[in-house]
Amino acid sequence: MTRMARVPPAPLTAERAEALRPYRLPDGTTIPIFAVLAHSPAALGDLRRATRACLAETELPLRYREIVILRVCALTGAEPEWAVHAGLFAGEAELGPRELAATLVPAAGSACWTPVETLLLQAVEQLCEQLTIDDDLWPRLSAVMPPRQLIELLTMSAQYHKVAMLTNALRLPVPEGLPRFRDHPHAEVRNDEENVDGHACPREHQ
């Protein structure tokens, strides 16, 4: 059974429908986080601006962008947002089933990433766990990424951590027909407690 969000989607006025038009899934429904945040013009405007900055105004290559977003969502248990990006952007980013499964486990546990991609994932893991990047990893990152990309790695990780917090607090559903964590049974789970819809979240190695 699909779980219900704690806050229902905002009623569709003409103004809201126009604002939400770009944020639709292949079946024509609105991406859940946009549909719910539409109750607040300020919250929706903030999300739209940040999404545009992350997806359309970044210098990070598409593949790097999606690796970062997927790993943040996996680490934070934000399956609905992970599913949206896995369903809408993975193909264009050349991330197949193997890579999608690898976003659910630590970077050190997968051999499918390039050296730079491994550094990106390690940075995301440190940001989610420590809210910083340590003095060992930072020089290795800065040796392969220019300043603009470093800044956008940080802001993108922060934005999707925020999206994850909203997704989890609002208990948004995973849209029908999109990839799920459970599609990758060999991925580890985040903890021993299941989400309210009965599916486990990803977990780090202990």
N, C-alpha and C. Protein backbone atom coordinates (compact mmCIF):
# COMPACT_ATOMS: atom_id res chain seq x y z
N MET A 1 0.84 -1.20 0.00
CA MET A 1 0.00 0.00 0.00
C MET A 1 0.88 1.25 0.00
N THR A 2 0.54 2.24 -0.82
CA THR A 2 1.28 3.49 -0.87
C THR A 2 0.95 4.32 0.37
N ARG A 3 1.97 4.77 1.05
CA ARG A 3 1.71 5.56 2.25
C ARG A 3 1.22 6.95 1.88
N MET A 4 0.52 7.57 2.82
CA MET A 4 -0.01 8.91 2.62
C MET A 4 0.90 9.93 3.27
N ALA A 5 1.12 11.04 2.59
CA ALA A 5 1.92 12.11 3.17
C ALA A 5 1.20 12.71 4.37
N ARG A 6 1.97 13.22 5.32
CA ARG A 6 1.39 13.86 6.50
C ARG A 6 0.61 15.12 6.13
N VAL A 7 1.03 15.77 5.05
CA VAL A 7 0.31 16.94 4.54
C VAL A 7 -0.10 16.62 3.11
N PRO A 8 -1.36 16.78 2.75
CA PRO A 8 -1.79 16.44 1.39
C PRO A 8 -1.26 17.45 0.38
N PRO A 9 -1.24 17.09 -0.88
CA PRO A 9 -0.87 18.07 -1.91
C PRO A 9 -1.76 19.30 -1.85
N ALA A 10 -1.19 20.44 -2.18
CA ALA A 10 -1.96 21.68 -2.18
C ALA A 10 -3.00 21.65 -3.30
N PRO A 11 -4.19 22.19 -3.05
CA PRO A 11 -5.20 22.27 -4.13
C PRO A 11 -4.63 23.03 -5.33
N LEU A 12 -4.97 22.56 -6.51
CA LEU A 12 -4.39 23.13 -7.72
C LEU A 12 -5.18 24.34 -8.21
N THR A 13 -4.71 25.52 -7.85
CA THR A 13 -5.21 26.74 -8.47
C THR A 13 -4.51 26.90 -9.82
N ALA A 14 -4.98 27.83 -10.62
CA ALA A 14 -4.34 28.07 -11.91
C ALA A 14 -2.88 28.51 -11.72
N GLU A 15 -2.65 29.34 -10.71
CA GLU A 15 -1.29 29.83 -10.45
C GLU A 15 -0.38 28.69 -10.02
N ARG A 16 -0.88 27.84 -9.13
CA ARG A 16 -0.07 26.71 -8.67
C ARG A 16 0.20 25.72 -9.81
N ALA A 17 -0.81 25.47 -10.61
CA ALA A 17 -0.64 24.54 -11.73
C ALA A 17 0.46 25.00 -12.67
N GLU A 18 0.53 26.28 -12.92
CA GLU A 18 1.58 26.82 -13.79
C GLU A 18 2.94 26.69 -13.12
N ALA A 19 3.00 26.98 -11.82
CA ALA A 19 4.28 26.90 -11.10
C ALA A 19 4.78 25.46 -11.04
N LEU A 20 3.86 24.51 -10.97
CA LEU A 20 4.23 23.10 -10.82
C LEU A 20 4.41 22.38 -12.15
N ARG A 21 4.07 23.02 -13.23
CA ARG A 21 4.09 22.36 -14.54
C ARG A 21 5.43 21.70 -14.88
N PRO A 22 6.58 22.30 -14.58
CA PRO A 22 7.85 21.65 -14.94
C PRO A 22 8.21 20.45 -14.05
N TYR A 23 7.49 20.25 -12.96
CA TYR A 23 7.91 19.26 -11.97
C TYR A 23 6.96 18.05 -11.97
N ARG A 24 6.83 17.47 -13.14
CA ARG A 24 5.90 16.35 -13.30
C ARG A 24 6.65 15.06 -13.64
N LEU A 25 6.06 13.97 -13.21
CA LEU A 25 6.57 12.64 -13.49
C LEU A 25 6.06 12.17 -14.85
N PRO A 26 6.61 11.08 -15.38
CA PRO A 26 6.14 10.61 -16.70
C PRO A 26 4.65 10.33 -16.78
N ASP A 27 4.01 9.98 -15.65
CA ASP A 27 2.57 9.71 -15.69
C ASP A 27 1.73 10.98 -15.56
N GLY A 28 2.40 12.14 -15.50
CA GLY A 28 1.69 13.41 -15.44
C GLY A 28 1.43 13.94 -14.06
N THR A 29 1.69 13.14 -13.03
CA THR A 29 1.50 13.61 -11.66
C THR A 29 2.66 14.49 -11.24
N THR A 30 2.41 15.34 -10.25
CA THR A 30 3.44 16.25 -9.76
C THR A 30 4.37 15.51 -8.80
N ILE A 31 5.66 15.78 -8.88
CA ILE A 31 6.61 15.22 -7.92
C ILE A 31 6.13 15.57 -6.51
N PRO A 32 6.02 14.59 -5.61
CA PRO A 32 5.36 14.82 -4.32
C PRO A 32 5.86 16.01 -3.52
N ILE A 33 7.16 16.21 -3.44
CA ILE A 33 7.66 17.29 -2.59
C ILE A 33 7.21 18.65 -3.12
N PHE A 34 7.13 18.81 -4.43
CA PHE A 34 6.66 20.07 -5.01
C PHE A 34 5.16 20.23 -4.76
N ALA A 35 4.40 19.15 -4.88
CA ALA A 35 2.96 19.21 -4.69
C ALA A 35 2.60 19.63 -3.27
N VAL A 36 3.36 19.14 -2.28
CA VAL A 36 3.06 19.45 -0.88
C VAL A 36 3.58 20.84 -0.50
N LEU A 37 4.80 21.17 -0.93
CA LEU A 37 5.34 22.48 -0.56
C LEU A 37 4.59 23.62 -1.23
N ALA A 38 3.76 23.32 -2.23
CA ALA A 38 2.97 24.36 -2.89
C ALA A 38 1.97 25.03 -1.95
N HIS A 39 1.72 24.45 -0.76
CA HIS A 39 0.90 25.14 0.24
C HIS A 39 1.53 26.49 0.63
N SER A 40 2.86 26.55 0.56
CA SER A 40 3.58 27.77 0.94
C SER A 40 4.30 28.35 -0.27
N PRO A 41 3.87 29.51 -0.78
CA PRO A 41 4.58 30.11 -1.91
C PRO A 41 6.06 30.32 -1.64
N ALA A 42 6.41 30.69 -0.41
CA ALA A 42 7.81 30.92 -0.07
C ALA A 42 8.60 29.62 -0.13
N ALA A 43 8.03 28.54 0.45
CA ALA A 43 8.73 27.26 0.45
C ALA A 43 8.86 26.71 -0.96
N LEU A 44 7.81 26.82 -1.75
CA LEU A 44 7.87 26.34 -3.13
C LEU A 44 8.86 27.15 -3.94
N GLY A 45 8.85 28.45 -3.77
CA GLY A 45 9.79 29.30 -4.49
C GLY A 45 11.23 28.96 -4.15
N ASP A 46 11.49 28.72 -2.87
CA ASP A 46 12.84 28.34 -2.44
C ASP A 46 13.26 27.02 -3.07
N LEU A 47 12.35 26.04 -3.08
CA LEU A 47 12.66 24.75 -3.67
C LEU A 47 12.90 24.86 -5.17
N ARG A 48 12.08 25.65 -5.85
CA ARG A 48 12.25 25.80 -7.30
C ARG A 48 13.59 26.46 -7.63
N ARG A 49 13.94 27.52 -6.89
CA ARG A 49 15.21 28.20 -7.15
C ARG A 49 16.39 27.28 -6.88
N ALA A 50 16.35 26.55 -5.76
CA ALA A 50 17.45 25.67 -5.41
C ALA A 50 17.56 24.51 -6.39
N THR A 51 16.42 23.99 -6.82
CA THR A 51 16.44 22.90 -7.80
C THR A 51 17.06 23.36 -9.11
N ARG A 52 16.67 24.55 -9.55
CA ARG A 52 17.25 25.09 -10.79
C ARG A 52 18.76 25.25 -10.65
N ALA A 53 19.20 25.77 -9.50
CA ALA A 53 20.63 25.96 -9.28
C ALA A 53 21.38 24.63 -9.31
N CYS A 54 20.79 23.61 -8.70
CA CYS A 54 21.45 22.30 -8.63
C CYS A 54 21.43 21.55 -9.95
N LEU A 55 20.34 21.64 -10.67
CA LEU A 55 20.18 20.82 -11.88
C LEU A 55 20.58 21.52 -13.17
N ALA A 56 20.36 22.82 -13.23
CA ALA A 56 20.57 23.52 -14.50
C ALA A 56 21.70 24.53 -14.49
N GLU A 57 22.13 24.95 -13.32
CA GLU A 57 23.13 26.02 -13.25
C GLU A 57 24.45 25.56 -12.66
N THR A 58 24.62 24.26 -12.50
CA THR A 58 25.85 23.74 -11.93
C THR A 58 26.87 23.44 -13.02
N GLU A 59 28.14 23.52 -12.64
CA GLU A 59 29.22 23.13 -13.54
C GLU A 59 29.57 21.65 -13.37
N LEU A 60 29.03 21.02 -12.34
CA LEU A 60 29.28 19.59 -12.17
C LEU A 60 28.69 18.82 -13.34
N PRO A 61 29.43 17.88 -13.92
CA PRO A 61 28.86 17.06 -14.99
C PRO A 61 27.61 16.33 -14.50
N LEU A 62 26.71 16.04 -15.42
CA LEU A 62 25.45 15.40 -15.07
C LEU A 62 25.66 14.12 -14.26
N ARG A 63 26.58 13.30 -14.67
CA ARG A 63 26.81 12.04 -13.95
C ARG A 63 27.25 12.31 -12.52
N TYR A 64 28.18 13.24 -12.33
CA TYR A 64 28.62 13.58 -10.97
C TYR A 64 27.46 14.12 -10.15
N ARG A 65 26.68 15.00 -10.77
CA ARG A 65 25.53 15.59 -10.08
C ARG A 65 24.60 14.52 -9.54
N GLU A 66 24.27 13.57 -10.39
CA GLU A 66 23.32 12.54 -9.97
C GLU A 66 23.92 11.58 -8.96
N ILE A 67 25.19 11.28 -9.07
CA ILE A 67 25.85 10.44 -8.07
C ILE A 67 25.77 11.10 -6.70
N VAL A 68 26.05 12.39 -6.65
CA VAL A 68 25.99 13.13 -5.38
C VAL A 68 24.58 13.09 -4.82
N ILE A 69 23.59 13.42 -5.64
CA ILE A 69 22.20 13.50 -5.15
C ILE A 69 21.72 12.12 -4.69
N LEU A 70 21.97 11.10 -5.47
CA LEU A 70 21.51 9.76 -5.11
C LEU A 70 22.15 9.28 -3.81
N ARG A 71 23.43 9.59 -3.63
CA ARG A 71 24.10 9.12 -2.40
C ARG A 71 23.58 9.86 -1.18
N VAL A 72 23.34 11.18 -1.30
CA VAL A 72 22.76 11.92 -0.19
C VAL A 72 21.41 11.32 0.19
N CYS A 73 20.59 11.07 -0.81
CA CYS A 73 19.25 10.52 -0.54
C CYS A 73 19.33 9.14 0.07
N ALA A 74 20.28 8.32 -0.38
CA ALA A 74 20.43 7.00 0.20
C ALA A 74 20.88 7.07 1.65
N LEU A 75 21.86 7.91 1.92
CA LEU A 75 22.39 8.03 3.29
C LEU A 75 21.34 8.54 4.26
N THR A 76 20.45 9.38 3.79
CA THR A 76 19.44 9.99 4.66
C THR A 76 18.12 9.23 4.64
N GLY A 77 18.05 8.14 3.89
CA GLY A 77 16.83 7.35 3.84
C GLY A 77 15.69 8.01 3.09
N ALA A 78 16.01 8.98 2.24
CA ALA A 78 14.97 9.70 1.49
C ALA A 78 14.65 8.95 0.20
N GLU A 79 13.99 7.81 0.34
CA GLU A 79 13.71 6.96 -0.80
C GLU A 79 12.87 7.64 -1.88
N PRO A 80 11.84 8.45 -1.53
CA PRO A 80 11.07 9.09 -2.61
C PRO A 80 11.92 9.97 -3.52
N GLU A 81 12.83 10.74 -2.94
CA GLU A 81 13.68 11.61 -3.78
C GLU A 81 14.71 10.79 -4.54
N TRP A 82 15.25 9.76 -3.90
CA TRP A 82 16.16 8.84 -4.60
C TRP A 82 15.45 8.24 -5.81
N ALA A 83 14.20 7.82 -5.61
CA ALA A 83 13.43 7.19 -6.68
C ALA A 83 13.20 8.15 -7.84
N VAL A 84 12.90 9.41 -7.52
CA VAL A 84 12.67 10.40 -8.58
C VAL A 84 13.92 10.57 -9.43
N HIS A 85 15.07 10.70 -8.78
CA HIS A 85 16.30 10.89 -9.54
C HIS A 85 16.74 9.62 -10.26
N ALA A 86 16.53 8.47 -9.62
CA ALA A 86 16.86 7.21 -10.29
C ALA A 86 15.97 7.00 -11.51
N GLY A 87 14.70 7.40 -11.39
CA GLY A 87 13.75 7.20 -12.48
C GLY A 87 13.86 8.20 -13.60
N LEU A 88 14.17 9.46 -13.26
CA LEU A 88 14.14 10.53 -14.27
C LEU A 88 15.49 10.84 -14.89
N PHE A 89 16.56 10.64 -14.14
CA PHE A 89 17.86 11.15 -14.60
C PHE A 89 18.94 10.09 -14.75
N ALA A 90 18.75 8.90 -14.20
CA ALA A 90 19.82 7.90 -14.21
C ALA A 90 20.23 7.52 -15.63
N GLY A 91 19.25 7.34 -16.51
CA GLY A 91 19.58 6.94 -17.87
C GLY A 91 20.45 7.96 -18.58
N GLU A 92 20.06 9.22 -18.50
CA GLU A 92 20.84 10.29 -19.14
C GLU A 92 22.23 10.41 -18.52
N ALA A 93 22.32 10.10 -17.22
CA ALA A 93 23.60 10.19 -16.52
C ALA A 93 24.43 8.92 -16.67
N GLU A 94 23.92 7.96 -17.44
CA GLU A 94 24.61 6.69 -17.69
C GLU A 94 24.87 5.94 -16.38
N LEU A 95 23.85 5.91 -15.54
CA LEU A 95 23.90 5.14 -14.30
C LEU A 95 22.92 3.98 -14.44
N GLY A 96 23.46 2.78 -14.59
CA GLY A 96 22.63 1.60 -14.76
C GLY A 96 22.28 0.96 -13.43
N PRO A 97 21.64 -0.20 -13.45
CA PRO A 97 21.25 -0.88 -12.21
C PRO A 97 22.42 -1.12 -11.26
N ARG A 98 23.58 -1.45 -11.81
CA ARG A 98 24.75 -1.69 -10.95
C ARG A 98 25.15 -0.43 -10.20
N GLU A 99 25.17 0.70 -10.92
CA GLU A 99 25.56 1.96 -10.27
C GLU A 99 24.49 2.42 -9.29
N LEU A 100 23.21 2.26 -9.64
CA LEU A 100 22.15 2.64 -8.71
C LEU A 100 22.27 1.84 -7.42
N ALA A 101 22.51 0.54 -7.54
CA ALA A 101 22.70 -0.28 -6.33
C ALA A 101 23.91 0.21 -5.54
N ALA A 102 24.95 0.64 -6.23
CA ALA A 102 26.17 1.08 -5.56
C ALA A 102 25.98 2.39 -4.82
N THR A 103 24.97 3.17 -5.18
CA THR A 103 24.73 4.41 -4.42
C THR A 103 24.14 4.09 -3.04
N LEU A 104 23.75 2.86 -2.80
CA LEU A 104 23.15 2.46 -1.52
C LEU A 104 24.16 1.87 -0.55
N VAL A 105 25.42 1.79 -0.96
CA VAL A 105 26.47 1.25 -0.09
C VAL A 105 27.65 2.23 -0.08
N PRO A 106 28.55 2.12 0.90
CA PRO A 106 29.69 3.03 0.96
C PRO A 106 30.54 2.99 -0.30
N ALA A 107 31.15 4.12 -0.62
CA ALA A 107 31.99 4.20 -1.82
C ALA A 107 33.08 3.14 -1.82
N ALA A 108 33.65 2.89 -0.65
CA ALA A 108 34.73 1.92 -0.55
C ALA A 108 34.25 0.50 -0.83
N GLY A 109 32.93 0.28 -0.81
CA GLY A 109 32.41 -1.06 -1.00
C GLY A 109 32.04 -1.40 -2.42
N SER A 110 32.33 -0.52 -3.38
CA SER A 110 31.96 -0.77 -4.76
C SER A 110 33.13 -0.48 -5.69
N ALA A 111 33.28 -1.33 -6.68
CA ALA A 111 34.37 -1.17 -7.66
C ALA A 111 33.89 -0.54 -8.95
N CYS A 112 32.65 -0.07 -9.00
CA CYS A 112 32.12 0.42 -10.28
C CYS A 112 32.38 1.90 -10.52
N TRP A 113 32.99 2.59 -9.56
CA TRP A 113 33.21 4.03 -9.69
C TRP A 113 34.62 4.33 -10.17
N THR A 114 34.77 5.43 -10.89
CA THR A 114 36.10 5.93 -11.23
C THR A 114 36.74 6.52 -9.99
N PRO A 115 38.05 6.78 -10.02
CA PRO A 115 38.69 7.40 -8.84
C PRO A 115 38.06 8.73 -8.44
N VAL A 116 37.70 9.58 -9.41
CA VAL A 116 37.08 10.86 -9.07
C VAL A 116 35.69 10.64 -8.48
N GLU A 117 34.93 9.72 -9.04
CA GLU A 117 33.59 9.43 -8.51
C GLU A 117 33.67 8.89 -7.09
N THR A 118 34.68 8.09 -6.81
CA THR A 118 34.88 7.59 -5.45
C THR A 118 35.15 8.73 -4.49
N LEU A 119 35.95 9.69 -4.90
CA LEU A 119 36.20 10.87 -4.06
C LEU A 119 34.91 11.65 -3.80
N LEU A 120 34.11 11.82 -4.85
CA LEU A 120 32.82 12.51 -4.69
C LEU A 120 31.96 11.81 -3.64
N LEU A 121 31.86 10.51 -3.75
CA LEU A 121 31.04 9.75 -2.82
C LEU A 121 31.59 9.81 -1.41
N GLN A 122 32.90 9.74 -1.27
CA GLN A 122 33.49 9.85 0.06
C GLN A 122 33.21 11.22 0.66
N ALA A 123 33.23 12.26 -0.18
CA ALA A 123 32.92 13.61 0.30
C ALA A 123 31.48 13.68 0.79
N VAL A 124 30.56 13.12 0.02
CA VAL A 124 29.14 13.12 0.43
C VAL A 124 28.97 12.37 1.74
N GLU A 125 29.63 11.24 1.87
CA GLU A 125 29.53 10.46 3.10
C GLU A 125 30.03 11.25 4.31
N GLN A 126 31.15 11.94 4.15
CA GLN A 126 31.67 12.75 5.26
C GLN A 126 30.74 13.92 5.57
N LEU A 127 30.20 14.56 4.54
CA LEU A 127 29.30 15.69 4.77
C LEU A 127 28.04 15.24 5.51
N CYS A 128 27.50 14.09 5.14
CA CYS A 128 26.29 13.61 5.81
C CYS A 128 26.56 13.14 7.23
N GLU A 129 27.74 12.57 7.46
CA GLU A 129 28.04 12.01 8.77
C GLU A 129 28.67 13.03 9.71
N GLN A 130 29.50 13.94 9.15
CA GLN A 130 30.30 14.84 9.99
C GLN A 130 29.98 16.32 9.76
N LEU A 131 29.19 16.61 8.73
CA LEU A 131 28.88 17.99 8.32
C LEU A 131 30.14 18.76 7.93
N THR A 132 31.15 18.05 7.50
CA THR A 132 32.37 18.68 7.01
C THR A 132 33.14 17.66 6.20
N ILE A 133 34.23 18.09 5.56
CA ILE A 133 35.14 17.20 4.85
C ILE A 133 36.50 17.31 5.52
N ASP A 134 37.11 16.18 5.82
CA ASP A 134 38.33 16.22 6.63
C ASP A 134 39.56 16.67 5.83
N ASP A 135 40.65 16.89 6.54
CA ASP A 135 41.86 17.43 5.93
C ASP A 135 42.62 16.43 5.09
N ASP A 136 42.24 15.18 5.15
CA ASP A 136 42.85 14.19 4.27
C ASP A 136 42.16 14.16 2.91
N LEU A 137 40.83 14.22 2.92
CA LEU A 137 40.07 14.12 1.67
C LEU A 137 40.06 15.43 0.88
N TRP A 138 40.01 16.57 1.57
CA TRP A 138 39.89 17.84 0.86
C TRP A 138 41.00 18.09 -0.16
N PRO A 139 42.28 17.88 0.18
CA PRO A 139 43.32 18.11 -0.83
C PRO A 139 43.18 17.20 -2.04
N ARG A 140 42.73 15.98 -1.83
CA ARG A 140 42.55 15.07 -2.96
C ARG A 140 41.40 15.52 -3.85
N LEU A 141 40.35 16.05 -3.24
CA LEU A 141 39.24 16.60 -4.03
C LEU A 141 39.69 17.84 -4.80
N SER A 142 40.36 18.75 -4.11
CA SER A 142 40.74 20.01 -4.75
C SER A 142 41.78 19.82 -5.84
N ALA A 143 42.44 18.67 -5.85
CA ALA A 143 43.42 18.38 -6.90
C ALA A 143 42.74 18.00 -8.21
N VAL A 144 41.48 17.59 -8.15
CA VAL A 144 40.79 17.12 -9.36
C VAL A 144 39.55 17.94 -9.69
N MET A 145 39.21 18.90 -8.81
CA MET A 145 38.01 19.71 -9.04
C MET A 145 38.35 21.18 -8.87
N PRO A 146 37.91 22.05 -9.79
CA PRO A 146 38.14 23.49 -9.64
C PRO A 146 37.26 24.06 -8.53
N PRO A 147 37.57 25.29 -8.08
CA PRO A 147 36.82 25.87 -6.96
C PRO A 147 35.31 25.90 -7.17
N ARG A 148 34.85 26.26 -8.37
CA ARG A 148 33.40 26.32 -8.57
C ARG A 148 32.76 24.95 -8.33
N GLN A 149 33.38 23.89 -8.83
CA GLN A 149 32.81 22.57 -8.64
C GLN A 149 32.85 22.15 -7.17
N LEU A 150 33.88 22.52 -6.46
CA LEU A 150 33.94 22.21 -5.03
C LEU A 150 32.80 22.89 -4.28
N ILE A 151 32.57 24.16 -4.59
CA ILE A 151 31.48 24.89 -3.94
C ILE A 151 30.15 24.24 -4.27
N GLU A 152 29.95 23.88 -5.54
CA GLU A 152 28.68 23.30 -5.95
C GLU A 152 28.48 21.89 -5.41
N LEU A 153 29.57 21.16 -5.19
CA LEU A 153 29.47 19.88 -4.49
C LEU A 153 28.91 20.09 -3.09
N LEU A 154 29.41 21.12 -2.39
CA LEU A 154 28.95 21.40 -1.03
C LEU A 154 27.50 21.87 -1.02
N THR A 155 27.16 22.81 -1.90
CA THR A 155 25.80 23.35 -1.88
C THR A 155 24.78 22.31 -2.34
N MET A 156 25.17 21.46 -3.30
CA MET A 156 24.25 20.42 -3.75
C MET A 156 24.01 19.38 -2.66
N SER A 157 25.06 19.01 -1.96
CA SER A 157 24.90 18.07 -0.85
C SER A 157 24.02 18.67 0.23
N ALA A 158 24.23 19.94 0.53
CA ALA A 158 23.42 20.60 1.55
C ALA A 158 21.96 20.70 1.13
N GLN A 159 21.72 21.06 -0.13
CA GLN A 159 20.35 21.19 -0.60
C GLN A 159 19.60 19.86 -0.53
N TYR A 160 20.23 18.79 -0.95
CA TYR A 160 19.52 17.52 -0.95
C TYR A 160 19.44 16.89 0.44
N HIS A 161 20.29 17.31 1.35
CA HIS A 161 20.10 16.94 2.75
C HIS A 161 18.83 17.64 3.27
N LYS A 162 18.64 18.88 2.88
CA LYS A 162 17.42 19.61 3.23
C LYS A 162 16.19 18.95 2.61
N VAL A 163 16.29 18.59 1.34
CA VAL A 163 15.18 17.91 0.68
C VAL A 163 14.87 16.60 1.39
N ALA A 164 15.90 15.89 1.80
CA ALA A 164 15.70 14.63 2.52
C ALA A 164 14.97 14.85 3.84
N MET A 165 15.34 15.89 4.56
CA MET A 165 14.68 16.19 5.83
C MET A 165 13.21 16.46 5.60
N LEU A 166 12.88 17.26 4.58
CA LEU A 166 11.48 17.54 4.27
C LEU A 166 10.75 16.27 3.84
N THR A 167 11.38 15.49 2.98
CA THR A 167 10.78 14.24 2.49
C THR A 167 10.45 13.30 3.64
N ASN A 168 11.39 13.14 4.56
CA ASN A 168 11.20 12.21 5.66
C ASN A 168 10.20 12.73 6.69
N ALA A 169 10.29 14.02 7.02
CA ALA A 169 9.38 14.58 8.02
C ALA A 169 7.94 14.58 7.53
N LEU A 170 7.76 14.84 6.23
CA LEU A 170 6.42 14.85 5.66
C LEU A 170 5.92 13.46 5.29
N ARG A 171 6.82 12.45 5.39
CA ARG A 171 6.50 11.07 5.03
C ARG A 171 5.89 10.99 3.63
N LEU A 172 6.62 11.58 2.70
CA LEU A 172 6.15 11.58 1.32
C LEU A 172 6.20 10.17 0.73
N PRO A 173 5.29 9.85 -0.16
CA PRO A 173 5.28 8.52 -0.77
C PRO A 173 6.30 8.42 -1.89
N VAL A 174 6.70 7.20 -2.19
CA VAL A 174 7.49 6.93 -3.39
C VAL A 174 6.50 6.84 -4.56
N PRO A 175 6.64 7.67 -5.57
CA PRO A 175 5.71 7.61 -6.71
C PRO A 175 5.69 6.23 -7.35
N GLU A 176 4.52 5.82 -7.77
CA GLU A 176 4.36 4.51 -8.41
C GLU A 176 5.21 4.42 -9.68
N GLY A 177 5.78 3.24 -9.88
CA GLY A 177 6.49 2.96 -11.11
C GLY A 177 7.95 3.38 -11.14
N LEU A 178 8.45 3.98 -10.05
CA LEU A 178 9.85 4.39 -10.02
C LEU A 178 10.69 3.35 -9.29
N PRO A 179 12.02 3.36 -9.50
CA PRO A 179 12.89 2.40 -8.81
C PRO A 179 12.78 2.54 -7.29
N ARG A 180 13.01 1.44 -6.59
CA ARG A 180 12.92 1.42 -5.13
C ARG A 180 14.23 0.89 -4.56
N PHE A 181 14.47 1.21 -3.29
CA PHE A 181 15.59 0.59 -2.59
C PHE A 181 15.48 -0.93 -2.66
N ARG A 182 14.28 -1.44 -2.52
CA ARG A 182 14.08 -2.89 -2.46
C ARG A 182 14.40 -3.58 -3.78
N ASP A 183 14.55 -2.81 -4.85
CA ASP A 183 14.93 -3.40 -6.13
C ASP A 183 16.37 -3.87 -6.12
N HIS A 184 17.12 -3.52 -5.08
CA HIS A 184 18.54 -3.85 -4.98
C HIS A 184 18.76 -4.62 -3.68
N PRO A 185 18.38 -5.89 -3.65
CA PRO A 185 18.35 -6.64 -2.39
C PRO A 185 19.72 -6.85 -1.76
N HIS A 186 20.79 -6.65 -2.51
CA HIS A 186 22.11 -6.88 -1.93
C HIS A 186 22.68 -5.62 -1.28
N ALA A 187 21.97 -4.50 -1.42
CA ALA A 187 22.40 -3.29 -0.74
C ALA A 187 22.13 -3.42 0.76
N GLU A 188 23.03 -2.85 1.55
CA GLU A 188 22.83 -2.90 3.00
C GLU A 188 21.72 -1.94 3.40
N VAL A 189 21.17 -2.13 4.58
CA VAL A 189 20.13 -1.24 5.08
C VAL A 189 20.70 -0.32 6.14
N ARG A 190 20.10 0.83 6.24
CA ARG A 190 20.61 1.88 7.11
C ARG A 190 20.45 1.54 8.59
N ASN A 191 19.33 0.95 8.96
CA ASN A 191 19.11 0.54 10.34
C ASN A 191 18.13 -0.62 10.34
N ASP A 192 17.85 -1.12 11.50
CA ASP A 192 16.99 -2.30 11.60
C ASP A 192 15.52 -1.95 11.64
N GLU A 193 15.21 -0.68 11.63
CA GLU A 193 13.82 -0.24 11.66
C GLU A 193 13.35 0.03 10.24
N GLU A 194 12.15 -0.35 9.92
CA GLU A 194 11.62 -0.12 8.60
C GLU A 194 10.88 1.20 8.55
N ASN A 195 10.81 1.77 7.35
CA ASN A 195 10.00 2.96 7.14
C ASN A 195 8.54 2.63 7.43
N VAL A 196 7.72 3.64 7.57
CA VAL A 196 6.32 3.42 7.91
C VAL A 196 5.56 2.68 6.81
N ASP A 197 6.10 2.65 5.59
CA ASP A 197 5.43 1.89 4.54
C ASP A 197 5.97 0.47 4.43
N GLY A 198 6.85 0.10 5.36
CA GLY A 198 7.29 -1.28 5.45
C GLY A 198 8.54 -1.62 4.69
N HIS A 199 9.30 -0.63 4.20
CA HIS A 199 10.51 -0.90 3.45
C HIS A 199 11.70 -0.29 4.15
N ALA A 200 12.80 -1.05 4.19
CA ALA A 200 13.95 -0.62 4.95
C ALA A 200 14.73 0.45 4.22
N CYS A 201 15.45 1.27 4.98
CA CYS A 201 16.32 2.30 4.43
C CYS A 201 17.73 1.77 4.33
N PRO A 202 18.59 2.37 3.46
CA PRO A 202 19.95 1.91 3.33
C PRO A 202 20.79 2.26 4.56
N ARG A 203 21.84 1.49 4.80
CA ARG A 203 22.68 1.69 5.97
C ARG A 203 24.14 1.60 5.59
N GLU A 204 24.97 2.27 6.34
CA GLU A 204 26.41 2.18 6.17
C GLU A 204 26.94 0.88 6.75
N HIS A 205 28.15 0.49 6.29
CA HIS A 205 28.87 -0.59 6.96
C HIS A 205 29.14 -0.18 8.39
N GLN A 206 29.05 -1.12 9.31
CA GLN A 206 29.38 -0.84 10.71
C GLN A 206 30.87 -0.97 10.92
